[in-house]
N, C-alpha and C. Protein backbone atom coordinates (compact mmCIF):
# COMPACT_ATOMS: atom_id res chain seq x y z
N UNK A 1 33.47 -105.70 34.49
CA UNK A 1 33.99 -106.63 35.58
C UNK A 1 33.37 -106.06 36.79
N UNK A 2 32.92 -106.96 37.89
CA UNK A 2 32.38 -106.61 39.06
C UNK A 2 33.71 -106.60 39.97
N UNK A 3 33.62 -105.63 40.83
CA UNK A 3 34.61 -105.33 41.83
C UNK A 3 34.78 -106.41 42.78
N UNK A 4 35.80 -107.07 43.17
CA UNK A 4 35.88 -107.91 44.32
C UNK A 4 35.73 -107.32 45.65
N UNK A 5 35.04 -108.09 46.22
CA UNK A 5 34.43 -107.76 47.65
C UNK A 5 35.78 -108.02 48.65
N UNK A 6 36.36 -109.08 48.57
CA UNK A 6 37.86 -109.19 49.37
C UNK A 6 38.85 -108.07 48.97
N UNK A 7 38.81 -107.78 47.59
CA UNK A 7 39.80 -106.57 47.34
C UNK A 7 39.45 -105.45 47.98
N UNK A 8 38.11 -104.99 48.07
CA UNK A 8 37.75 -103.72 48.21
C UNK A 8 37.83 -103.76 49.94
N UNK A 9 37.49 -104.85 50.41
CA UNK A 9 37.56 -104.68 51.82
C UNK A 9 38.98 -104.44 52.38
N UNK A 10 39.78 -105.28 51.79
CA UNK A 10 41.51 -104.99 52.06
C UNK A 10 42.03 -103.72 51.79
N UNK A 11 41.35 -102.98 50.62
CA UNK A 11 41.78 -101.56 50.59
C UNK A 11 41.18 -100.69 51.49
N UNK A 12 40.07 -100.96 52.11
CA UNK A 12 39.48 -100.08 52.88
C UNK A 12 40.24 -100.26 54.28
N UNK A 13 40.69 -101.63 54.39
CA UNK A 13 41.41 -101.79 55.70
C UNK A 13 42.72 -100.75 55.56
N UNK A 14 43.38 -100.95 54.62
CA UNK A 14 44.62 -100.46 54.52
C UNK A 14 44.37 -98.79 54.59
N UNK A 15 43.36 -98.35 53.90
CA UNK A 15 42.98 -96.71 53.88
C UNK A 15 42.94 -96.50 55.36
N UNK A 16 42.05 -97.19 56.26
CA UNK A 16 41.75 -96.86 57.82
C UNK A 16 43.14 -96.93 58.20
N UNK A 17 43.90 -97.89 58.22
CA UNK A 17 45.24 -98.14 58.99
C UNK A 17 46.07 -96.90 58.74
N UNK A 18 46.22 -96.55 57.39
CA UNK A 18 47.04 -95.35 57.10
C UNK A 18 46.26 -94.04 57.67
N UNK A 19 45.32 -93.75 57.54
CA UNK A 19 44.66 -92.54 58.21
C UNK A 19 44.82 -92.62 59.73
N UNK A 20 44.41 -93.85 60.46
CA UNK A 20 44.66 -93.89 61.74
C UNK A 20 46.09 -93.52 62.13
N UNK A 21 46.74 -94.13 61.63
CA UNK A 21 48.35 -93.87 61.80
C UNK A 21 48.62 -92.70 61.76
N UNK A 22 48.34 -91.72 60.72
CA UNK A 22 48.69 -90.57 60.59
C UNK A 22 48.19 -89.44 61.64
N UNK A 23 46.79 -89.78 61.80
CA UNK A 23 45.89 -89.08 63.09
C UNK A 23 46.70 -89.21 64.37
N UNK A 24 47.05 -90.45 64.63
CA UNK A 24 47.67 -90.87 65.93
C UNK A 24 49.16 -90.08 66.03
N UNK A 25 49.98 -90.24 64.86
CA UNK A 25 51.16 -89.56 65.19
C UNK A 25 51.06 -88.19 65.16
N UNK A 26 50.08 -87.64 64.60
CA UNK A 26 50.32 -86.11 64.60
C UNK A 26 49.48 -85.73 65.80
N UNK A 27 48.77 -86.42 66.66
CA UNK A 27 47.88 -85.90 67.69
C UNK A 27 48.68 -86.10 68.89
N UNK A 28 49.25 -87.44 69.02
CA UNK A 28 49.74 -87.94 70.22
C UNK A 28 50.95 -88.66 70.13
N UNK A 29 51.30 -88.84 68.93
CA UNK A 29 53.06 -89.45 68.63
C UNK A 29 52.68 -91.05 68.97
N UNK A 30 51.58 -91.71 69.37
CA UNK A 30 51.70 -93.04 68.92
C UNK A 30 51.41 -93.67 67.64
N UNK A 31 52.19 -94.76 67.31
CA UNK A 31 51.88 -95.39 66.05
C UNK A 31 50.40 -96.12 66.22
N UNK A 32 49.84 -96.47 65.02
CA UNK A 32 48.53 -97.18 64.94
C UNK A 32 48.89 -98.53 65.73
N UNK A 33 49.82 -99.18 65.46
CA UNK A 33 50.27 -100.41 66.25
C UNK A 33 50.25 -100.45 67.38
N UNK A 34 50.76 -99.32 68.07
CA UNK A 34 50.96 -99.20 69.49
C UNK A 34 49.70 -99.08 70.11
N UNK A 35 48.68 -98.17 69.41
CA UNK A 35 47.36 -97.97 69.88
C UNK A 35 46.68 -99.34 69.88
N UNK A 36 46.71 -100.14 68.79
CA UNK A 36 46.11 -101.36 68.55
C UNK A 36 46.37 -102.14 69.81
N UNK A 37 47.60 -102.40 70.33
CA UNK A 37 48.04 -103.25 71.47
C UNK A 37 47.58 -102.59 72.82
N UNK A 38 47.53 -101.31 72.69
CA UNK A 38 46.98 -100.97 74.04
C UNK A 38 45.50 -101.19 74.24
N UNK A 39 44.85 -100.93 73.11
CA UNK A 39 43.39 -101.12 72.90
C UNK A 39 43.15 -102.58 73.21
N UNK A 40 43.90 -103.50 72.74
CA UNK A 40 43.73 -104.81 73.11
C UNK A 40 43.89 -105.28 74.50
N UNK A 41 44.86 -104.61 75.13
CA UNK A 41 45.13 -104.78 76.82
C UNK A 41 44.10 -104.16 77.33
N UNK A 42 43.47 -102.98 76.94
CA UNK A 42 42.33 -102.22 77.81
C UNK A 42 40.94 -103.44 77.71
N UNK A 43 40.93 -103.93 76.61
CA UNK A 43 39.83 -104.99 76.17
C UNK A 43 39.90 -106.17 77.14
N UNK A 44 41.20 -106.67 77.35
CA UNK A 44 41.38 -108.14 78.14
C UNK A 44 41.81 -107.81 79.42
N UNK A 45 41.98 -106.42 79.78
CA UNK A 45 42.49 -105.99 81.37
C UNK A 45 43.67 -106.63 81.41
N UNK A 46 43.55 -107.23 82.70
CA UNK A 46 45.17 -107.99 82.92
C UNK A 46 45.51 -109.28 82.06
N UNK A 47 46.37 -109.39 81.33
CA UNK A 47 46.66 -110.40 80.24
C UNK A 47 47.88 -110.97 80.37
N UNK A 48 48.16 -112.29 79.60
CA UNK A 48 49.28 -112.66 79.46
C UNK A 48 49.90 -112.17 77.92
N UNK A 49 51.40 -112.18 77.81
CA UNK A 49 51.68 -111.93 76.56
C UNK A 49 51.28 -113.00 75.53
N UNK A 50 51.15 -113.99 75.63
CA UNK A 50 50.42 -115.16 75.07
C UNK A 50 49.12 -114.94 74.46
N UNK A 51 48.22 -114.51 75.69
CA UNK A 51 46.85 -114.35 75.47
C UNK A 51 46.85 -113.37 74.47
N UNK A 52 47.69 -112.13 74.59
CA UNK A 52 47.58 -110.87 73.61
C UNK A 52 47.73 -111.35 72.44
N UNK A 53 48.95 -111.90 72.13
CA UNK A 53 49.40 -112.57 70.97
C UNK A 53 48.20 -113.40 70.07
N UNK A 54 47.50 -114.27 70.90
CA UNK A 54 46.60 -114.95 70.30
C UNK A 54 45.15 -113.90 69.94
N UNK A 55 44.96 -112.92 70.83
CA UNK A 55 43.88 -111.99 70.87
C UNK A 55 43.96 -111.15 69.49
N UNK A 56 45.28 -110.71 69.13
CA UNK A 56 45.46 -109.70 68.06
C UNK A 56 46.02 -110.26 66.81
N UNK A 57 46.22 -111.64 66.87
CA UNK A 57 46.52 -112.41 65.81
C UNK A 57 48.12 -112.24 65.22
N UNK A 58 48.94 -111.89 66.29
CA UNK A 58 50.44 -111.73 66.29
C UNK A 58 51.27 -112.46 66.65
N UNK A 59 52.57 -112.97 66.27
CA UNK A 59 53.43 -113.88 66.88
C UNK A 59 53.65 -113.23 68.42
N UNK A 60 54.25 -114.15 69.17
CA UNK A 60 54.55 -114.05 70.59
C UNK A 60 55.72 -112.95 70.48
N UNK A 61 56.78 -113.19 69.55
CA UNK A 61 58.01 -112.53 69.47
C UNK A 61 57.63 -111.05 69.04
N UNK A 62 56.96 -110.82 68.22
CA UNK A 62 56.23 -109.58 67.82
C UNK A 62 55.70 -108.83 68.91
N UNK A 63 54.72 -109.32 69.49
CA UNK A 63 54.11 -108.89 70.67
C UNK A 63 55.02 -108.28 71.98
N UNK A 64 56.05 -109.30 72.19
CA UNK A 64 57.15 -109.07 73.19
C UNK A 64 57.84 -107.79 72.73
N UNK A 65 58.19 -107.63 71.65
CA UNK A 65 58.92 -106.33 71.20
C UNK A 65 57.94 -104.98 71.35
N UNK A 66 56.91 -105.24 71.18
CA UNK A 66 55.84 -104.13 71.18
C UNK A 66 55.73 -103.69 72.62
N UNK A 67 55.50 -104.65 73.49
CA UNK A 67 55.29 -104.65 75.10
C UNK A 67 56.30 -104.07 75.31
N UNK A 68 57.71 -104.21 75.14
CA UNK A 68 58.87 -103.60 75.56
C UNK A 68 58.81 -102.26 75.14
N UNK A 69 58.51 -101.74 74.04
CA UNK A 69 58.39 -100.39 73.62
C UNK A 69 57.32 -99.77 74.42
N UNK A 70 56.24 -100.25 74.55
CA UNK A 70 55.04 -99.58 75.46
C UNK A 70 55.52 -99.35 76.86
N UNK A 71 56.31 -100.54 77.61
CA UNK A 71 56.70 -100.50 78.75
C UNK A 71 57.67 -99.54 78.82
N UNK A 72 58.75 -99.05 77.95
CA UNK A 72 59.74 -98.05 78.14
C UNK A 72 58.89 -96.85 78.21
N UNK A 73 57.92 -96.53 77.34
CA UNK A 73 57.08 -95.40 77.26
C UNK A 73 56.23 -95.20 78.75
N UNK A 74 56.42 -96.22 79.60
CA UNK A 74 55.53 -95.94 80.87
C UNK A 74 54.05 -96.40 80.63
N UNK A 75 53.57 -97.03 79.30
CA UNK A 75 52.10 -97.28 79.33
C UNK A 75 51.73 -98.56 79.51
N UNK A 76 52.46 -99.37 79.99
CA UNK A 76 52.06 -100.78 80.33
C UNK A 76 53.23 -101.39 81.33
N UNK A 77 52.73 -102.17 82.23
CA UNK A 77 53.63 -102.82 83.32
C UNK A 77 53.67 -104.45 82.65
N UNK A 78 54.70 -104.88 83.08
CA UNK A 78 55.01 -106.40 82.71
C UNK A 78 55.52 -107.16 84.00
N UNK A 79 54.91 -108.11 84.48
CA UNK A 79 55.24 -108.76 85.83
C UNK A 79 55.19 -110.29 85.47
N UNK A 80 55.88 -110.83 86.22
CA UNK A 80 56.31 -112.25 86.06
C UNK A 80 54.75 -112.95 86.67
N UNK A 81 54.16 -113.78 86.40
CA UNK A 81 53.07 -114.39 86.71
C UNK A 81 53.41 -115.03 87.96
N UNK A 82 52.58 -114.66 89.33
CA UNK A 82 53.26 -115.53 90.41
C UNK A 82 52.63 -116.86 90.35
N UNK A 83 51.56 -117.26 89.61
CA UNK A 83 51.22 -118.58 89.41
C UNK A 83 52.01 -119.25 88.62
N UNK A 84 52.43 -118.91 87.54
CA UNK A 84 53.38 -119.65 86.34
C UNK A 84 54.41 -118.78 86.09
N UNK A 85 55.57 -118.84 86.57
CA UNK A 85 56.72 -118.10 86.40
C UNK A 85 57.34 -117.79 85.02
N UNK A 86 56.97 -118.90 84.21
CA UNK A 86 57.40 -118.71 82.79
C UNK A 86 56.13 -117.61 81.78
N UNK A 87 55.18 -117.27 82.70
CA UNK A 87 54.26 -116.39 81.94
C UNK A 87 54.62 -114.79 82.48
N UNK A 88 54.51 -113.93 81.40
CA UNK A 88 54.43 -112.41 81.84
C UNK A 88 53.00 -111.86 81.90
N UNK A 89 52.65 -111.01 82.93
CA UNK A 89 51.34 -110.63 83.04
C UNK A 89 51.58 -109.23 82.32
N UNK A 90 50.68 -108.59 81.61
CA UNK A 90 50.88 -107.24 80.85
C UNK A 90 49.68 -106.64 81.52
N UNK A 91 49.73 -105.39 81.84
CA UNK A 91 48.61 -104.40 82.14
C UNK A 91 48.88 -102.99 81.68
N UNK A 92 47.81 -102.21 81.64
CA UNK A 92 47.90 -100.84 81.44
C UNK A 92 48.30 -99.98 82.55
N UNK A 93 49.31 -98.97 82.47
CA UNK A 93 49.46 -98.03 83.58
C UNK A 93 48.16 -97.10 83.50
N UNK A 94 48.07 -96.40 84.28
CA UNK A 94 47.39 -95.11 84.45
C UNK A 94 47.41 -94.30 83.34
N UNK A 95 48.76 -94.00 82.93
CA UNK A 95 49.04 -93.24 81.67
C UNK A 95 48.53 -93.87 80.50
N UNK A 96 48.78 -95.36 80.63
CA UNK A 96 48.44 -95.97 79.43
C UNK A 96 46.87 -96.16 79.39
N UNK A 97 46.13 -96.16 80.19
CA UNK A 97 44.63 -95.91 80.22
C UNK A 97 44.21 -94.78 79.49
N UNK A 98 44.86 -93.55 80.08
CA UNK A 98 44.29 -92.34 79.73
C UNK A 98 44.57 -92.19 78.02
N UNK A 99 46.07 -92.62 77.78
CA UNK A 99 46.43 -92.57 76.16
C UNK A 99 45.47 -93.42 75.50
N UNK A 100 45.16 -94.57 75.76
CA UNK A 100 44.38 -95.44 74.92
C UNK A 100 42.82 -94.74 74.86
N UNK A 101 42.28 -94.40 75.93
CA UNK A 101 41.07 -93.81 75.86
C UNK A 101 41.25 -92.47 74.86
N UNK A 102 42.10 -91.62 75.24
CA UNK A 102 42.11 -90.34 74.03
C UNK A 102 42.35 -90.95 72.74
N UNK A 103 43.20 -91.77 72.50
CA UNK A 103 43.64 -92.32 71.12
C UNK A 103 42.44 -92.88 70.52
N UNK A 104 41.67 -93.82 71.44
CA UNK A 104 40.22 -94.17 70.68
C UNK A 104 39.33 -93.09 70.62
N UNK A 105 38.93 -92.06 71.22
CA UNK A 105 38.13 -90.96 71.02
C UNK A 105 38.39 -90.31 69.98
N UNK A 106 39.78 -89.90 69.78
CA UNK A 106 40.24 -89.09 68.62
C UNK A 106 40.04 -90.13 67.21
N UNK A 107 40.02 -91.27 67.38
CA UNK A 107 40.02 -92.21 66.00
C UNK A 107 38.16 -92.34 65.73
N UNK A 108 37.59 -92.54 66.47
CA UNK A 108 36.19 -92.72 66.71
C UNK A 108 35.50 -91.45 66.18
N UNK A 109 35.81 -90.33 66.69
CA UNK A 109 35.41 -89.15 66.16
C UNK A 109 35.86 -88.70 64.85
N UNK A 110 37.15 -88.98 64.50
CA UNK A 110 37.35 -88.53 62.93
C UNK A 110 36.79 -89.67 61.98
N UNK A 111 36.56 -91.11 62.41
CA UNK A 111 35.75 -91.93 61.34
C UNK A 111 34.43 -91.36 61.40
N UNK A 112 33.67 -91.01 62.55
CA UNK A 112 32.23 -90.70 62.65
C UNK A 112 31.87 -89.41 61.68
N UNK A 113 32.82 -88.45 61.82
CA UNK A 113 32.87 -87.34 61.01
C UNK A 113 32.97 -87.65 59.58
N UNK A 114 33.81 -88.62 59.25
CA UNK A 114 34.02 -88.64 57.78
C UNK A 114 32.53 -89.42 57.25
N UNK A 115 32.18 -90.62 58.19
CA UNK A 115 30.93 -91.11 57.75
C UNK A 115 29.85 -90.02 57.47
N UNK A 116 29.69 -89.53 58.50
CA UNK A 116 28.31 -88.34 58.36
C UNK A 116 28.79 -87.36 57.28
N UNK A 117 30.03 -86.87 56.86
CA UNK A 117 30.11 -85.96 55.77
C UNK A 117 29.73 -86.61 54.54
N UNK A 118 29.89 -87.97 54.59
CA UNK A 118 29.51 -88.87 53.21
C UNK A 118 28.04 -89.53 53.26
N UNK A 119 27.44 -89.18 54.08
CA UNK A 119 25.97 -89.85 54.46
C UNK A 119 25.99 -91.31 54.72
N UNK A 120 26.88 -91.79 55.24
CA UNK A 120 26.94 -93.12 55.56
C UNK A 120 26.63 -93.45 56.84
N UNK A 121 25.55 -94.23 57.22
CA UNK A 121 25.05 -94.48 58.46
C UNK A 121 26.04 -95.33 59.19
N UNK A 122 26.49 -94.71 60.26
CA UNK A 122 27.49 -95.42 61.30
C UNK A 122 26.97 -96.74 61.87
N UNK A 123 25.68 -96.72 62.22
CA UNK A 123 25.20 -97.74 62.97
C UNK A 123 25.13 -98.91 61.98
N UNK A 124 24.43 -98.82 60.82
CA UNK A 124 24.30 -100.00 59.74
C UNK A 124 25.69 -100.41 59.46
N UNK A 125 26.54 -99.67 59.24
CA UNK A 125 27.82 -100.11 58.77
C UNK A 125 28.63 -100.89 60.08
N UNK A 126 28.56 -100.61 61.38
CA UNK A 126 29.20 -101.10 62.38
C UNK A 126 28.22 -102.61 62.39
N UNK A 127 26.91 -102.80 62.57
CA UNK A 127 26.20 -103.84 62.39
C UNK A 127 26.62 -104.89 61.50
N UNK A 128 26.85 -104.26 60.23
CA UNK A 128 27.34 -105.29 59.22
C UNK A 128 28.83 -105.60 59.34
N UNK A 129 29.53 -104.67 60.05
CA UNK A 129 30.88 -105.41 60.17
C UNK A 129 31.02 -106.31 61.39
N UNK A 130 30.25 -106.12 62.46
CA UNK A 130 30.05 -107.36 63.46
C UNK A 130 29.47 -108.38 62.81
N UNK A 131 28.57 -108.50 61.88
CA UNK A 131 28.01 -109.66 61.17
C UNK A 131 28.87 -110.46 60.42
N UNK A 132 29.70 -109.55 59.84
CA UNK A 132 30.84 -110.11 58.89
C UNK A 132 32.06 -110.80 59.66
N UNK A 133 32.24 -110.09 60.99
CA UNK A 133 33.32 -110.72 61.89
C UNK A 133 33.01 -112.21 62.39
N UNK A 134 31.77 -112.03 62.88
CA UNK A 134 31.13 -113.32 63.50
C UNK A 134 31.22 -114.26 62.41
N UNK A 135 30.91 -114.13 61.23
CA UNK A 135 30.75 -114.96 60.18
C UNK A 135 32.19 -115.91 59.72
N UNK A 136 32.91 -114.77 59.56
CA UNK A 136 34.45 -115.27 59.31
C UNK A 136 34.94 -116.04 60.50
N UNK A 137 34.71 -115.67 61.84
CA UNK A 137 35.17 -116.39 62.94
C UNK A 137 34.41 -117.71 63.09
N UNK A 138 33.22 -117.83 62.82
CA UNK A 138 32.71 -118.98 62.93
C UNK A 138 32.83 -119.82 61.74
N UNK A 139 33.12 -119.21 60.56
CA UNK A 139 33.64 -120.24 59.40
C UNK A 139 35.14 -120.69 59.57
N UNK A 140 36.08 -120.35 60.62
CA UNK A 140 37.06 -120.93 61.02
C UNK A 140 38.23 -119.98 60.17
N UNK A 141 37.88 -118.74 59.65
CA UNK A 141 38.89 -118.08 58.80
C UNK A 141 39.69 -117.15 59.90
N UNK A 142 40.48 -118.03 60.81
CA UNK A 142 41.42 -117.62 61.75
C UNK A 142 42.62 -117.24 61.19
N UNK A 143 43.05 -115.94 61.57
CA UNK A 143 44.49 -115.33 60.91
C UNK A 143 45.57 -116.15 61.60
N UNK A 144 46.88 -116.14 60.77
CA UNK A 144 47.63 -116.98 61.56
C UNK A 144 48.79 -115.64 61.83
N UNK A 145 49.62 -115.96 63.13
CA UNK A 145 50.15 -114.81 63.46
C UNK A 145 51.23 -113.94 62.51
N UNK A 146 51.05 -112.85 62.69
CA UNK A 146 52.00 -111.91 61.70
C UNK A 146 53.03 -111.09 62.41
N UNK A 147 53.83 -110.41 61.85
CA UNK A 147 54.99 -109.82 62.50
C UNK A 147 54.24 -108.43 62.93
N UNK A 148 54.70 -107.89 63.98
CA UNK A 148 54.40 -106.64 64.48
C UNK A 148 55.37 -105.74 64.97
N UNK A 149 55.96 -104.84 63.94
CA UNK A 149 57.11 -104.06 64.53
C UNK A 149 56.50 -102.82 65.27
N UNK A 150 57.49 -102.40 66.16
CA UNK A 150 57.15 -101.12 66.91
C UNK A 150 57.05 -100.11 66.15
């Protein structure tokens, strides 16, 4: 019986998540979810909580809890949008920028080393991953919001 590609991809994502979580926890005390949110904020620069939730595919409530945790750690700031008082603007602090960049380098290096050790071409894999993501987005396979606990 042929292996299921969706099943294999799901397993790979799970392995990556758990490996990244262990590396981040050991090296800088971040959870992978915290890094994921910091990385999304870095990509979006100054953003609203709602835009962030849509970008990462999680509920507003889950993102609100994560942002509160990151704000308490001094990694993000949250301010009321002066143009729309019912929206919160979220931005990385200088410490948040450094933390996100260090964590990103750490994970990229660890994965690049693993790929090299096993003879996997990183640029080909990255190209295929970009193509798959574009195809999924183009086909309307949009994720529904999920819970995101700190």
